[in-house]
Amino acid sequence: MNSFGIDHIMKLLPHRFPFLLVDKVLENQDGSHQIAVKNVSMNEPFFQGHFPDYPVLPGVLQIEMIAQAGGVMVMSQHENLPGFNTLLTSVDSAKFRRQVRPGDQLLIETTLLKRRGNMAKVSGVVTVDGEIATEATLMFMLVAKDGGEVPSDK
């Protein structure tokens, strides 16, 4: 079981400020299960326009957080193969169950459901203080930035 911080996350994901939405990985079990953290601050740029008088984290960004955490999880299986990204291909059965507000700390739990060739299916659950805020199943495609071959299944 591995944990790692933002420097390692930035090696695995192409995202940068203001769109890097995963702060830390608490647990990564060989790229098949992961728990990541996002600390939600009032200083996030989207709160300027998303209900300034009652700031709420947009649901679409919560899905993006699951996608990024899932991308970190999948890419952690290919750390020795630089030059690959994960692209989101579908979002299934997304549900938003609780508002997320500034000051909340999100735990983003992702589980690899299936991996075949360059495709991966991941379930994700975002919790705040033990309460489910968001859940969804996502599909990813692993792509080579230079058009080269995609790594085979482990």
C-alpha atoms as a PDB file:
ATOM      1  CA  MET A   1       0.000   0.000   0.000  1.00  0.00           C
ATOM      2  CA  ASN A   2       1.519   3.319  -1.099  1.00  0.00           C
ATOM      3  CA  SER A   3       0.764   6.919  -0.196  1.00  0.00           C
ATOM      4  CA  PHE A   4       2.125   9.945  -2.006  1.00  0.00           C
ATOM      5  CA  GLY A   5       1.797  13.696  -2.296  1.00  0.00           C
ATOM      6  CA  ILE A   6       1.235  16.325  -4.921  1.00  0.00           C
ATOM      7  CA  ASP A   7       4.685  16.036  -6.540  1.00  0.00           C
ATOM      8  CA  HIS A   8       4.063  12.409  -7.442  1.00  0.00           C
ATOM      9  CA  ILE A   9       0.474  13.121  -8.516  1.00  0.00           C
ATOM     10  CA  MET A  10       1.805  15.760 -10.919  1.00  0.00           C
ATOM     11  CA  LYS A  11       4.124  13.144 -12.462  1.00  0.00           C
ATOM     12  CA  LEU A  12       1.118  10.929 -13.193  1.00  0.00           C
ATOM     13  CA  LEU A  13      -1.422  13.552 -14.334  1.00  0.00           C
ATOM     14  CA  PRO A  14      -1.070  16.353 -16.885  1.00  0.00           C
ATOM     15  CA  HIS A  15      -3.439  18.655 -14.932  1.00  0.00           C
ATOM     16  CA  ARG A  16      -2.132  21.836 -13.320  1.00  0.00           C
ATOM     17  CA  PHE A  17      -3.578  24.775 -11.368  1.00  0.00           C
ATOM     18  CA  PRO A  18      -6.392  25.683 -11.387  1.00  0.00           C
ATOM     19  CA  PHE A  19      -7.603  22.310 -12.647  1.00  0.00           C
ATOM     20  CA  LEU A  20      -5.553  19.844 -10.598  1.00  0.00           C
ATOM     21  CA  LEU A  21      -8.206  18.633  -8.154  1.00  0.00           C
ATOM     22  CA  VAL A  22      -6.436  15.894  -6.151  1.00  0.00           C
ATOM     23  CA  ASP A  23      -4.166  16.965  -3.278  1.00  0.00           C
ATOM     24  CA  LYS A  24      -2.834  13.692  -1.885  1.00  0.00           C
ATOM     25  CA  VAL A  25      -3.128   9.923  -2.112  1.00  0.00           C
ATOM     26  CA  LEU A  26      -3.519   8.259   1.280  1.00  0.00           C
ATOM     27  CA  GLU A  27      -3.622   4.661   0.012  1.00  0.00           C
ATOM     28  CA  ASN A  28      -2.917   3.075  -3.352  1.00  0.00           C
ATOM     29  CA  GLN A  29      -3.181  -0.711  -3.484  1.00  0.00           C
ATOM     30  CA  ASP A  30      -1.273  -1.695  -6.629  1.00  0.00           C
ATOM     31  CA  GLY A  31      -3.457   0.481  -8.860  1.00  0.00           C
ATOM     32  CA  SER A  32      -6.640  -1.456  -8.036  1.00  0.00           C
ATOM     33  CA  HIS A  33      -7.995   0.544  -5.084  1.00  0.00           C
ATOM     34  CA  GLN A  34      -7.149   4.027  -3.896  1.00  0.00           C
ATOM     35  CA  ILE A  35      -8.137   6.696  -1.396  1.00  0.00           C
ATOM     36  CA  ALA A  36      -7.251  10.276  -2.321  1.00  0.00           C
ATOM     37  CA  VAL A  37      -7.874  13.644  -0.659  1.00  0.00           C
ATOM     38  CA  LYS A  38      -9.113  17.004  -1.882  1.00  0.00           C
ATOM     39  CA  ASN A  39      -9.247  19.883   0.600  1.00  0.00           C
ATOM     40  CA  VAL A  40     -11.921  22.340  -0.487  1.00  0.00           C
ATOM     41  CA  SER A  41     -10.930  25.946   0.205  1.00  0.00           C
ATOM     42  CA  MET A  42     -12.933  29.146  -0.155  1.00  0.00           C
ATOM     43  CA  ASN A  43     -10.030  30.318  -2.343  1.00  0.00           C
ATOM     44  CA  GLU A  44     -10.958  27.901  -5.161  1.00  0.00           C
ATOM     45  CA  PRO A  45     -11.481  29.978  -8.334  1.00  0.00           C
ATOM     46  CA  PHE A  46     -14.870  28.409  -9.196  1.00  0.00           C
ATOM     47  CA  PHE A  47     -16.461  29.759  -5.995  1.00  0.00           C
ATOM     48  CA  GLN A  48     -16.233  33.298  -7.410  1.00  0.00           C
ATOM     49  CA  GLY A  49     -19.050  32.485  -9.821  1.00  0.00           C
ATOM     50  CA  HIS A  50     -20.746  29.378  -8.452  1.00  0.00           C
ATOM     51  CA  PHE A  51     -23.182  30.836  -5.958  1.00  0.00           C
ATOM     52  CA  PRO A  52     -20.928  33.503  -4.372  1.00  0.00           C
ATOM     53  CA  ASP A  53     -23.461  34.089  -1.576  1.00  0.00           C
ATOM     54  CA  TYR A  54     -23.732  30.351  -0.856  1.00  0.00           C
ATOM     55  CA  PRO A  55     -20.661  28.587  -2.297  1.00  0.00           C
ATOM     56  CA  VAL A  56     -21.265  24.964  -3.325  1.00  0.00           C
ATOM     57  CA  LEU A  57     -18.759  22.761  -5.155  1.00  0.00           C
ATOM     58  CA  PRO A  58     -20.167  22.054  -8.634  1.00  0.00           C
ATOM     59  CA  GLY A  59     -21.163  18.429  -9.185  1.00  0.00           C
ATOM     60  CA  VAL A  60     -19.323  18.280 -12.491  1.00  0.00           C
ATOM     61  CA  LEU A  61     -16.082  19.115 -10.649  1.00  0.00           C
ATOM     62  CA  GLN A  62     -16.776  16.323  -8.175  1.00  0.00           C
ATOM     63  CA  ILE A  63     -16.985  13.953 -11.149  1.00  0.00           C
ATOM     64  CA  GLU A  64     -13.703  15.437 -12.402  1.00  0.00           C
ATOM     65  CA  MET A  65     -12.141  14.732  -8.990  1.00  0.00           C
ATOM     66  CA  ILE A  66     -13.190  11.083  -9.265  1.00  0.00           C
ATOM     67  CA  ALA A  67     -11.807  11.035 -12.819  1.00  0.00           C
ATOM     68  CA  GLN A  68      -8.479  12.510 -11.752  1.00  0.00           C
ATOM     69  CA  ALA A  69      -8.183  10.165  -8.762  1.00  0.00           C
ATOM     70  CA  GLY A  70      -9.049   7.247 -11.051  1.00  0.00           C
ATOM     71  CA  GLY A  71      -6.473   8.506 -13.549  1.00  0.00           C
ATOM     72  CA  VAL A  72      -3.820   8.555 -10.830  1.00  0.00           C
ATOM     73  CA  MET A  73      -4.813   5.029  -9.805  1.00  0.00           C
ATOM     74  CA  VAL A  74      -4.663   3.663 -13.365  1.00  0.00           C
ATOM     75  CA  MET A  75      -1.463   5.564 -14.249  1.00  0.00           C
ATOM     76  CA  SER A  76       0.244   4.304 -11.079  1.00  0.00           C
ATOM     77  CA  GLN A  77       0.319   0.895 -12.805  1.00  0.00           C
ATOM     78  CA  HIS A  78       2.416   2.437 -15.608  1.00  0.00           C
ATOM     79  CA  GLU A  79       4.825   4.752 -13.778  1.00  0.00           C
ATOM     80  CA  ASN A  80       7.789   3.392 -15.714  1.00  0.00           C
ATOM     81  CA  LEU A  81       6.092   4.230 -19.001  1.00  0.00           C
ATOM     82  CA  PRO A  82       6.011   8.025 -19.311  1.00  0.00           C
ATOM     83  CA  GLY A  83       4.038   9.640 -22.082  1.00  0.00           C
ATOM     84  CA  PHE A  84       0.577   8.229 -21.397  1.00  0.00           C
ATOM     85  CA  ASN A  85      -2.637   9.869 -20.240  1.00  0.00           C
ATOM     86  CA  THR A  86      -6.081   8.669 -19.289  1.00  0.00           C
ATOM     87  CA  LEU A  87      -9.037  10.225 -21.079  1.00  0.00           C
ATOM     88  CA  LEU A  88     -12.542  10.062 -19.656  1.00  0.00           C
ATOM     89  CA  THR A  89     -14.875   8.277 -22.081  1.00  0.00           C
ATOM     90  CA  SER A  90     -18.098   7.858 -20.090  1.00  0.00           C
ATOM     91  CA  VAL A  91     -19.847   8.655 -16.823  1.00  0.00           C
ATOM     92  CA  ASP A  92     -22.470   6.190 -15.633  1.00  0.00           C
ATOM     93  CA  SER A  93     -24.925   6.281 -12.752  1.00  0.00           C
ATOM     94  CA  ALA A  94     -23.636   9.502 -11.192  1.00  0.00           C
ATOM     95  CA  LYS A  95     -25.475  10.549  -8.056  1.00  0.00           C
ATOM     96  CA  PHE A  96     -25.054  13.630  -5.898  1.00  0.00           C
ATOM     97  CA  ARG A  97     -26.220  13.029  -2.341  1.00  0.00           C
ATOM     98  CA  ARG A  98     -24.804  15.889  -0.276  1.00  0.00           C
ATOM     99  CA  GLN A  99     -23.617  19.439  -0.828  1.00  0.00           C
ATOM    100  CA  VAL A 100     -19.892  20.071  -0.680  1.00  0.00           C
ATOM    101  CA  ARG A 101     -18.919  23.427   0.798  1.00  0.00           C
ATOM    102  CA  PRO A 102     -15.700  25.329   1.499  1.00  0.00           C
ATOM    103  CA  GLY A 103     -13.854  23.811   4.440  1.00  0.00           C
ATOM    104  CA  ASP A 104     -14.865  20.246   3.596  1.00  0.00           C
ATOM    105  CA  GLN A 105     -12.211  17.581   3.197  1.00  0.00           C
ATOM    106  CA  LEU A 106     -13.143  15.069   0.529  1.00  0.00           C
ATOM    107  CA  LEU A 107     -12.043  11.456   0.538  1.00  0.00           C
ATOM    108  CA  ILE A 108     -12.164  10.124  -3.009  1.00  0.00           C
ATOM    109  CA  GLU A 109     -12.231   6.330  -3.062  1.00  0.00           C
ATOM    110  CA  THR A 110     -11.704   4.673  -6.430  1.00  0.00           C
ATOM    111  CA  THR A 111     -11.786   0.983  -7.307  1.00  0.00           C
ATOM    112  CA  LEU A 112     -10.714  -0.596 -10.577  1.00  0.00           C
ATOM    113  CA  LEU A 113     -13.666  -2.699 -11.764  1.00  0.00           C
ATOM    114  CA  LYS A 114     -12.277  -3.903 -15.088  1.00  0.00           C
ATOM    115  CA  ARG A 115      -9.265  -3.363 -17.314  1.00  0.00           C
ATOM    116  CA  ARG A 116      -9.051  -4.626 -20.886  1.00  0.00           C
ATOM    117  CA  GLY A 117      -6.483  -3.371 -23.363  1.00  0.00           C
ATOM    118  CA  ASN A 118      -6.421   0.402 -23.182  1.00  0.00           C
ATOM    119  CA  MET A 119      -9.811   0.680 -21.409  1.00  0.00           C
ATOM    120  CA  ALA A 120     -10.472   0.808 -17.667  1.00  0.00           C
ATOM    121  CA  LYS A 121     -13.727   0.950 -15.704  1.00  0.00           C
ATOM    122  CA  VAL A 122     -13.564   2.589 -12.267  1.00  0.00           C
ATOM    123  CA  SER A 123     -16.101   3.153  -9.510  1.00  0.00           C
ATOM    124  CA  GLY A 124     -15.703   6.239  -7.365  1.00  0.00           C
ATOM    125  CA  VAL A 125     -17.226   7.493  -4.137  1.00  0.00           C
ATOM    126  CA  VAL A 126     -16.617  10.926  -2.609  1.00  0.00           C
ATOM    127  CA  THR A 127     -17.286  11.236   1.109  1.00  0.00           C
ATOM    128  CA  VAL A 128     -17.291  14.141   3.560  1.00  0.00           C
ATOM    129  CA  ASP A 129     -17.081  13.276   7.243  1.00  0.00           C
ATOM    130  CA  GLY A 130     -18.180   9.715   6.462  1.00  0.00           C
ATOM    131  CA  GLU A 131     -21.235  10.806   4.423  1.00  0.00           C
ATOM    132  CA  ILE A 132     -21.466  10.011   0.714  1.00  0.00           C
ATOM    133  CA  ALA A 133     -21.470  13.205  -1.331  1.00  0.00           C
ATOM    134  CA  THR A 134     -21.027  11.783  -4.838  1.00  0.00           C
ATOM    135  CA  GLU A 135     -20.766   8.403  -6.498  1.00  0.00           C
ATOM    136  CA  ALA A 136     -20.252   7.394 -10.109  1.00  0.00           C
ATOM    137  CA  THR A 137     -18.833   4.760 -12.421  1.00  0.00           C
ATOM    138  CA  LEU A 138     -16.400   6.055 -15.039  1.00  0.00           C
ATOM    139  CA  MET A 139     -14.697   4.631 -18.118  1.00  0.00           C
ATOM    140  CA  PHE A 140     -11.198   5.669 -19.177  1.00  0.00           C
ATOM    141  CA  MET A 141      -9.085   5.176 -22.240  1.00  0.00           C
ATOM    142  CA  LEU A 142      -5.319   4.991 -21.803  1.00  0.00           C
ATOM    143  CA  VAL A 143      -3.688   6.883 -24.681  1.00  0.00           C
ATOM    144  CA  ALA A 144      -0.102   7.466 -25.714  1.00  0.00           C
ATOM    145  CA  LYS A 145       0.702  11.164 -26.156  1.00  0.00           C
ATOM    146  CA  ASP A 146       2.867  10.395 -29.191  1.00  0.00           C
ATOM    147  CA  GLY A 147       0.508   7.905 -30.842  1.00  0.00           C
ATOM    148  CA  GLY A 148       2.659   4.938 -29.767  1.00  0.00           C
ATOM    149  CA  GLU A 149       1.513   1.583 -28.431  1.00  0.00           C
ATOM    150  CA  VAL A 150      -0.552   1.409 -25.259  1.00  0.00           C
ATOM    151  CA  PRO A 151       0.887  -0.876 -22.565  1.00  0.00           C
ATOM    152  CA  SER A 152      -0.696  -4.313 -22.329  1.00  0.00           C
ATOM    153  CA  ASP A 153      -2.679  -5.558 -19.331  1.00  0.00           C
ATOM    154  CA  LYS A 154      -0.713  -6.583 -16.263  1.00  0.00           C
END
